[in-house]
């Protein structure tokens, strides 16, 4: 009888110990899972916060009010084989000369897809008036805001970001003789408005 009682007691003790071990392992597993989930959640929050901060910062850097953003020095070589130039007298035209200092331009990103183009030697901005006339402006203004777009042939087009003619965009363009085209007569598909930015 005593032997049977001992076996029963030992069996119950082993069973109780096994139950405690299983419960302990389950508790540790739950705690570990919760901690992992919390860590992932915190990481996602930090990543989202960083992304938002970067996006906001990027918009601030490209604020056109202070002309901050990417700056490139280029020559704009037209499909008509002319270099766009901004003369000191404010006249805009084309030149065949590769050494013309007035053809060296500074292109500044002032907003998403919007640039300002300034002649290095003339210190004048390329501008399109409400009537579609090209000219060099002494001060940066709304006429100097140009939409830059890469066309299918690899050339760039520059259209007024402010003015349109009967809902049609007005582009910077040079004729086959290097003369400035009125914006009202320009079209995106017209190669006279196509320019290739060349690194200076």
C-alpha atoms as a PDB file:
ATOM      1  CA  UNK A   1       0.000   0.000   0.000  1.00  0.00           C
ATOM      2  CA  UNK A   2       2.789   2.373   0.962  1.00  0.00           C
ATOM      3  CA  UNK A   3       4.628   1.507  -2.249  1.00  0.00           C
ATOM      4  CA  UNK A   4       1.553   2.367  -4.282  1.00  0.00           C
ATOM      5  CA  UNK A   5       1.144   5.709  -2.476  1.00  0.00           C
ATOM      6  CA  UNK A   6       4.788   6.593  -3.163  1.00  0.00           C
ATOM      7  CA  UNK A   7       4.431   5.831  -6.864  1.00  0.00           C
ATOM      8  CA  UNK A   8       1.237   7.934  -6.991  1.00  0.00           C
ATOM      9  CA  UNK A   9       2.939  10.862  -5.195  1.00  0.00           C
ATOM     10  CA  UNK A  10       6.004  10.723  -7.472  1.00  0.00           C
ATOM     11  CA  UNK A  11       3.772  10.536 -10.544  1.00  0.00           C
ATOM     12  CA  UNK A  12       1.758  13.557  -9.411  1.00  0.00           C
ATOM     13  CA  UNK A  13       4.964  15.491  -8.634  1.00  0.00           C
ATOM     14  CA  UNK A  14       6.394  14.789 -12.096  1.00  0.00           C
ATOM     15  CA  UNK A  15       3.107  15.774 -13.710  1.00  0.00           C
ATOM     16  CA  UNK A  16       2.973  19.011 -11.699  1.00  0.00           C
ATOM     17  CA  UNK A  17       6.592  19.882 -12.603  1.00  0.00           C
ATOM     18  CA  UNK A  18       5.890  19.205 -16.279  1.00  0.00           C
ATOM     19  CA  UNK A  19       2.827  21.473 -16.148  1.00  0.00           C
ATOM     20  CA  UNK A  20       4.867  24.259 -14.525  1.00  0.00           C
ATOM     21  CA  UNK A  21       7.587  23.943 -17.203  1.00  0.00           C
ATOM     22  CA  UNK A  22       5.071  24.090 -20.037  1.00  0.00           C
ATOM     23  CA  UNK A  23       3.362  27.127 -18.486  1.00  0.00           C
ATOM     24  CA  UNK A  24       6.740  28.861 -18.051  1.00  0.00           C
ATOM     25  CA  UNK A  25       7.733  28.208 -21.662  1.00  0.00           C
ATOM     26  CA  UNK A  26       4.397  29.544 -22.914  1.00  0.00           C
ATOM     27  CA  UNK A  27       4.760  32.696 -20.799  1.00  0.00           C
ATOM     28  CA  UNK A  28       8.317  33.330 -22.087  1.00  0.00           C
ATOM     29  CA  UNK A  29       7.140  32.814 -25.678  1.00  0.00           C
ATOM     30  CA  UNK A  30       4.292  35.320 -25.259  1.00  0.00           C
ATOM     31  CA  UNK A  31       6.601  37.920 -23.687  1.00  0.00           C
ATOM     32  CA  UNK A  32       9.192  37.498 -26.459  1.00  0.00           C
ATOM     33  CA  UNK A  33       6.520  37.818 -29.168  1.00  0.00           C
ATOM     34  CA  UNK A  34       5.108  40.996 -27.580  1.00  0.00           C
ATOM     35  CA  UNK A  35       8.549  42.561 -27.314  1.00  0.00           C
ATOM     36  CA  UNK A  36       9.333  41.745 -30.943  1.00  0.00           C
ATOM     37  CA  UNK A  37       6.049  43.256 -32.101  1.00  0.00           C
ATOM     38  CA  UNK A  38       6.678  46.389 -30.064  1.00  0.00           C
ATOM     39  CA  UNK A  39      10.194  46.707 -31.509  1.00  0.00           C
ATOM     40  CA  UNK A  40       8.876  46.412 -35.075  1.00  0.00           C
ATOM     41  CA  UNK A  41       6.160  48.963 -34.348  1.00  0.00           C
ATOM     42  CA  UNK A  42       8.721  51.428 -32.951  1.00  0.00           C
ATOM     43  CA  UNK A  43      10.995  50.917 -35.965  1.00  0.00           C
ATOM     44  CA  UNK A  44       8.130  51.608 -38.355  1.00  0.00           C
ATOM     45  CA  UNK A  45       7.204  54.777 -36.480  1.00  0.00           C
ATOM     46  CA  UNK A  46      10.811  56.021 -36.632  1.00  0.00           C
ATOM     47  CA  UNK A  47      11.044  55.226 -40.355  1.00  0.00           C
ATOM     48  CA  UNK A  48       7.781  57.022 -41.117  1.00  0.00           C
ATOM     49  CA  UNK A  49       8.845  60.009 -39.050  1.00  0.00           C
ATOM     50  CA  UNK A  50      12.187  60.170 -40.839  1.00  0.00           C
ATOM     51  CA  UNK A  51      10.521  59.880 -44.258  1.00  0.00           C
ATOM     52  CA  UNK A  52       8.073  62.685 -43.464  1.00  0.00           C
ATOM     53  CA  UNK A  53      10.864  64.891 -42.191  1.00  0.00           C
ATOM     54  CA  UNK A  54      12.944  64.288 -45.331  1.00  0.00           C
ATOM     55  CA  UNK A  55       9.980  64.998 -47.603  1.00  0.00           C
ATOM     56  CA  UNK A  56       9.185  68.225 -45.802  1.00  0.00           C
ATOM     57  CA  UNK A  57      12.827  69.232 -45.848  1.00  0.00           C
ATOM     58  CA  UNK A  58      13.021  68.548 -49.598  1.00  0.00           C
ATOM     59  CA  UNK A  59      10.054  70.840 -50.277  1.00  0.00           C
ATOM     60  CA  UNK A  60      11.665  73.571 -48.189  1.00  0.00           C
ATOM     61  CA  UNK A  61      15.027  73.280 -49.985  1.00  0.00           C
ATOM     62  CA  UNK A  62      13.314  73.696 -53.365  1.00  0.00           C
ATOM     63  CA  UNK A  63      11.465  76.838 -52.325  1.00  0.00           C
ATOM     64  CA  UNK A  64      11.745  79.171 -55.332  1.00  0.00           C
ATOM     65  CA  UNK A  65      11.495  82.261 -53.117  1.00  0.00           C
ATOM     66  CA  UNK A  66      15.184  81.985 -52.236  1.00  0.00           C
ATOM     67  CA  UNK A  67      16.223  80.167 -55.432  1.00  0.00           C
ATOM     68  CA  UNK A  68      17.483  77.197 -53.435  1.00  0.00           C
ATOM     69  CA  UNK A  69      17.889  73.771 -54.994  1.00  0.00           C
ATOM     70  CA  UNK A  70      19.957  71.914 -57.564  1.00  0.00           C
ATOM     71  CA  UNK A  71      22.218  74.219 -59.579  1.00  0.00           C
ATOM     72  CA  UNK A  72      23.755  73.221 -62.927  1.00  0.00           C
ATOM     73  CA  UNK A  73      25.972  75.118 -65.344  1.00  0.00           C
ATOM     74  CA  UNK A  74      25.023  74.197 -68.890  1.00  0.00           C
ATOM     75  CA  UNK A  75      24.836  75.379 -72.479  1.00  0.00           C
ATOM     76  CA  UNK A  76      21.502  74.821 -74.195  1.00  0.00           C
ATOM     77  CA  UNK A  77      22.168  73.525 -77.708  1.00  0.00           C
ATOM     78  CA  UNK A  78      19.069  73.765 -79.866  1.00  0.00           C
ATOM     79  CA  UNK A  79      17.859  71.200 -82.377  1.00  0.00           C
ATOM     80  CA  UNK A  80      18.507  73.957 -84.942  1.00  0.00           C
ATOM     81  CA  UNK A  81      22.252  73.828 -84.053  1.00  0.00           C
ATOM     82  CA  UNK A  82      22.420  77.068 -82.065  1.00  0.00           C
ATOM     83  CA  UNK A  83      23.559  77.776 -78.517  1.00  0.00           C
ATOM     84  CA  UNK A  84      20.965  79.785 -76.611  1.00  0.00           C
ATOM     85  CA  UNK A  85      22.438  83.035 -75.318  1.00  0.00           C
ATOM     86  CA  UNK A  86      21.203  85.846 -73.060  1.00  0.00           C
ATOM     87  CA  UNK A  87      22.938  89.077 -74.043  1.00  0.00           C
ATOM     88  CA  UNK A  88      23.850  91.876 -71.659  1.00  0.00           C
ATOM     89  CA  UNK A  89      21.280  94.080 -73.395  1.00  0.00           C
ATOM     90  CA  UNK A  90      18.526  91.585 -72.523  1.00  0.00           C
ATOM     91  CA  UNK A  91      18.190  90.130 -76.003  1.00  0.00           C
ATOM     92  CA  UNK A  92      17.779  86.351 -76.303  1.00  0.00           C
ATOM     93  CA  UNK A  93      18.965  84.589 -79.454  1.00  0.00           C
ATOM     94  CA  UNK A  94      21.159  81.799 -80.757  1.00  0.00           C
ATOM     95  CA  UNK A  95      24.865  81.685 -81.581  1.00  0.00           C
ATOM     96  CA  UNK A  96      27.018  79.218 -83.498  1.00  0.00           C
ATOM     97  CA  UNK A  97      30.084  80.140 -81.462  1.00  0.00           C
ATOM     98  CA  UNK A  98      31.135  77.577 -78.870  1.00  0.00           C
ATOM     99  CA  UNK A  99      33.143  80.235 -77.023  1.00  0.00           C
ATOM    100  CA  UNK A 100      30.407  82.825 -76.567  1.00  0.00           C
ATOM    101  CA  UNK A 101      30.453  83.614 -72.799  1.00  0.00           C
ATOM    102  CA  UNK A 102      26.803  84.704 -72.950  1.00  0.00           C
ATOM    103  CA  UNK A 103      25.763  81.138 -73.803  1.00  0.00           C
ATOM    104  CA  UNK A 104      26.933  79.768 -70.445  1.00  0.00           C
ATOM    105  CA  UNK A 105      23.826  79.381 -68.315  1.00  0.00           C
ATOM    106  CA  UNK A 106      23.042  78.529 -64.725  1.00  0.00           C
ATOM    107  CA  UNK A 107      19.967  76.313 -64.358  1.00  0.00           C
ATOM    108  CA  UNK A 108      18.467  76.292 -60.855  1.00  0.00           C
ATOM    109  CA  UNK A 109      15.658  74.020 -59.663  1.00  0.00           C
ATOM    110  CA  UNK A 110      13.188  76.271 -57.869  1.00  0.00           C
ATOM    111  CA  UNK A 111      10.287  73.842 -57.505  1.00  0.00           C
ATOM    112  CA  UNK A 112       9.269  70.376 -58.672  1.00  0.00           C
ATOM    113  CA  UNK A 113       9.747  70.423 -62.455  1.00  0.00           C
ATOM    114  CA  UNK A 114      10.304  74.217 -62.436  1.00  0.00           C
ATOM    115  CA  UNK A 115      13.645  75.904 -63.152  1.00  0.00           C
ATOM    116  CA  UNK A 116      15.144  79.373 -63.420  1.00  0.00           C
ATOM    117  CA  UNK A 117      17.782  79.954 -66.122  1.00  0.00           C
ATOM    118  CA  UNK A 118      20.332  82.735 -65.613  1.00  0.00           C
ATOM    119  CA  UNK A 119      23.047  83.918 -67.968  1.00  0.00           C
ATOM    120  CA  UNK A 120      26.370  83.795 -66.107  1.00  0.00           C
ATOM    121  CA  UNK A 121      27.957  86.701 -67.996  1.00  0.00           C
ATOM    122  CA  UNK A 122      24.876  88.897 -68.403  1.00  0.00           C
ATOM    123  CA  UNK A 123      23.446  88.076 -64.955  1.00  0.00           C
ATOM    124  CA  UNK A 124      19.968  88.146 -66.525  1.00  0.00           C
ATOM    125  CA  UNK A 125      17.217  85.539 -66.217  1.00  0.00           C
ATOM    126  CA  UNK A 126      15.587  83.900 -69.217  1.00  0.00           C
ATOM    127  CA  UNK A 127      11.967  85.057 -69.188  1.00  0.00           C
ATOM    128  CA  UNK A 128       8.761  84.652 -71.214  1.00  0.00           C
ATOM    129  CA  UNK A 129       6.302  87.540 -71.081  1.00  0.00           C
ATOM    130  CA  UNK A 130       2.529  87.187 -71.054  1.00  0.00           C
ATOM    131  CA  UNK A 131       2.612  87.866 -74.808  1.00  0.00           C
ATOM    132  CA  UNK A 132       5.113  85.058 -75.335  1.00  0.00           C
ATOM    133  CA  UNK A 133       8.185  87.234 -75.924  1.00  0.00           C
ATOM    134  CA  UNK A 134      11.624  85.979 -74.846  1.00  0.00           C
ATOM    135  CA  UNK A 135      13.873  88.421 -72.995  1.00  0.00           C
ATOM    136  CA  UNK A 136      16.493  88.700 -70.267  1.00  0.00           C
ATOM    137  CA  UNK A 137      15.076  89.875 -66.935  1.00  0.00           C
ATOM    138  CA  UNK A 138      17.255  91.678 -64.409  1.00  0.00           C
ATOM    139  CA  UNK A 139      15.321  90.290 -61.427  1.00  0.00           C
ATOM    140  CA  UNK A 140      13.793  86.867 -60.889  1.00  0.00           C
ATOM    141  CA  UNK A 141       9.986  86.936 -61.184  1.00  0.00           C
ATOM    142  CA  UNK A 142       7.009  84.902 -62.359  1.00  0.00           C
ATOM    143  CA  UNK A 143       8.046  85.347 -66.022  1.00  0.00           C
ATOM    144  CA  UNK A 144      11.263  83.468 -65.207  1.00  0.00           C
ATOM    145  CA  UNK A 145       9.544  80.299 -63.961  1.00  0.00           C
ATOM    146  CA  UNK A 146      10.011  77.643 -66.644  1.00  0.00           C
ATOM    147  CA  UNK A 147       8.706  74.087 -66.809  1.00  0.00           C
ATOM    148  CA  UNK A 148      11.537  71.732 -67.720  1.00  0.00           C
ATOM    149  CA  UNK A 149      10.620  68.470 -69.432  1.00  0.00           C
ATOM    150  CA  UNK A 150      12.655  65.736 -71.110  1.00  0.00           C
ATOM    151  CA  UNK A 151      11.081  64.776 -74.427  1.00  0.00           C
ATOM    152  CA  UNK A 152      11.082  61.377 -76.114  1.00  0.00           C
ATOM    153  CA  UNK A 153      14.038  62.295 -78.355  1.00  0.00           C
ATOM    154  CA  UNK A 154      16.221  63.108 -75.318  1.00  0.00           C
ATOM    155  CA  UNK A 155      16.012  66.874 -75.759  1.00  0.00           C
ATOM    156  CA  UNK A 156      14.537  69.225 -73.148  1.00  0.00           C
ATOM    157  CA  UNK A 157      11.724  71.726 -73.557  1.00  0.00           C
ATOM    158  CA  UNK A 158      11.191  74.844 -71.446  1.00  0.00           C
ATOM    159  CA  UNK A 159       7.695  76.298 -71.185  1.00  0.00           C
ATOM    160  CA  UNK A 160       6.331  79.225 -69.215  1.00  0.00           C
ATOM    161  CA  UNK A 161       4.992  78.001 -65.878  1.00  0.00           C
ATOM    162  CA  UNK A 162       2.689  81.032 -65.589  1.00  0.00           C
ATOM    163  CA  UNK A 163       1.410  82.046 -69.011  1.00  0.00           C
ATOM    164  CA  UNK A 164      -0.544  80.237 -71.721  1.00  0.00           C
ATOM    165  CA  UNK A 165      -1.956  81.200 -75.082  1.00  0.00           C
ATOM    166  CA  UNK A 166      -5.524  79.935 -75.455  1.00  0.00           C
ATOM    167  CA  UNK A 167      -4.766  77.161 -72.970  1.00  0.00           C
ATOM    168  CA  UNK A 168      -1.678  76.153 -74.952  1.00  0.00           C
ATOM    169  CA  UNK A 169       1.742  76.235 -73.339  1.00  0.00           C
ATOM    170  CA  UNK A 170       4.293  78.749 -74.632  1.00  0.00           C
ATOM    171  CA  UNK A 171       7.846  77.448 -75.091  1.00  0.00           C
ATOM    172  CA  UNK A 172      11.358  78.813 -75.386  1.00  0.00           C
ATOM    173  CA  UNK A 173      12.319  78.377 -79.039  1.00  0.00           C
ATOM    174  CA  UNK A 174      14.850  79.424 -81.693  1.00  0.00           C
ATOM    175  CA  UNK A 175      14.196  79.605 -85.421  1.00  0.00           C
ATOM    176  CA  UNK A 176      16.390  78.058 -88.109  1.00  0.00           C
ATOM    177  CA  UNK A 177      18.236  81.400 -88.181  1.00  0.00           C
ATOM    178  CA  UNK A 178      18.786  81.562 -84.422  1.00  0.00           C
ATOM    179  CA  UNK A 179      16.084  84.140 -83.791  1.00  0.00           C
ATOM    180  CA  UNK A 180      13.780  83.862 -80.764  1.00  0.00           C
ATOM    181  CA  UNK A 181      10.310  82.514 -81.503  1.00  0.00           C
ATOM    182  CA  UNK A 182       7.181  84.015 -80.015  1.00  0.00           C
ATOM    183  CA  UNK A 183       5.669  81.657 -77.494  1.00  0.00           C
ATOM    184  CA  UNK A 184       2.302  81.798 -79.232  1.00  0.00           C
ATOM    185  CA  UNK A 185       3.785  80.083 -82.283  1.00  0.00           C
ATOM    186  CA  UNK A 186       5.568  77.316 -80.422  1.00  0.00           C
ATOM    187  CA  UNK A 187       4.470  73.753 -79.804  1.00  0.00           C
ATOM    188  CA  UNK A 188       5.971  70.943 -77.760  1.00  0.00           C
ATOM    189  CA  UNK A 189       6.445  68.679 -80.805  1.00  0.00           C
ATOM    190  CA  UNK A 190       8.094  71.455 -82.800  1.00  0.00           C
ATOM    191  CA  UNK A 191      11.855  70.726 -82.728  1.00  0.00           C
ATOM    192  CA  UNK A 192      12.556  74.469 -82.684  1.00  0.00           C
ATOM    193  CA  UNK A 193      11.694  74.290 -78.967  1.00  0.00           C
ATOM    194  CA  UNK A 194      14.017  71.364 -78.258  1.00  0.00           C
ATOM    195  CA  UNK A 195      17.315  71.933 -76.436  1.00  0.00           C
ATOM    196  CA  UNK A 196      20.112  69.641 -75.358  1.00  0.00           C
ATOM    197  CA  UNK A 197      21.776  70.635 -72.058  1.00  0.00           C
ATOM    198  CA  UNK A 198      25.546  70.399 -72.519  1.00  0.00           C
ATOM    199  CA  UNK A 199      27.871  70.255 -69.527  1.00  0.00           C
ATOM    200  CA  UNK A 200      30.193  73.256 -69.331  1.00  0.00           C
END
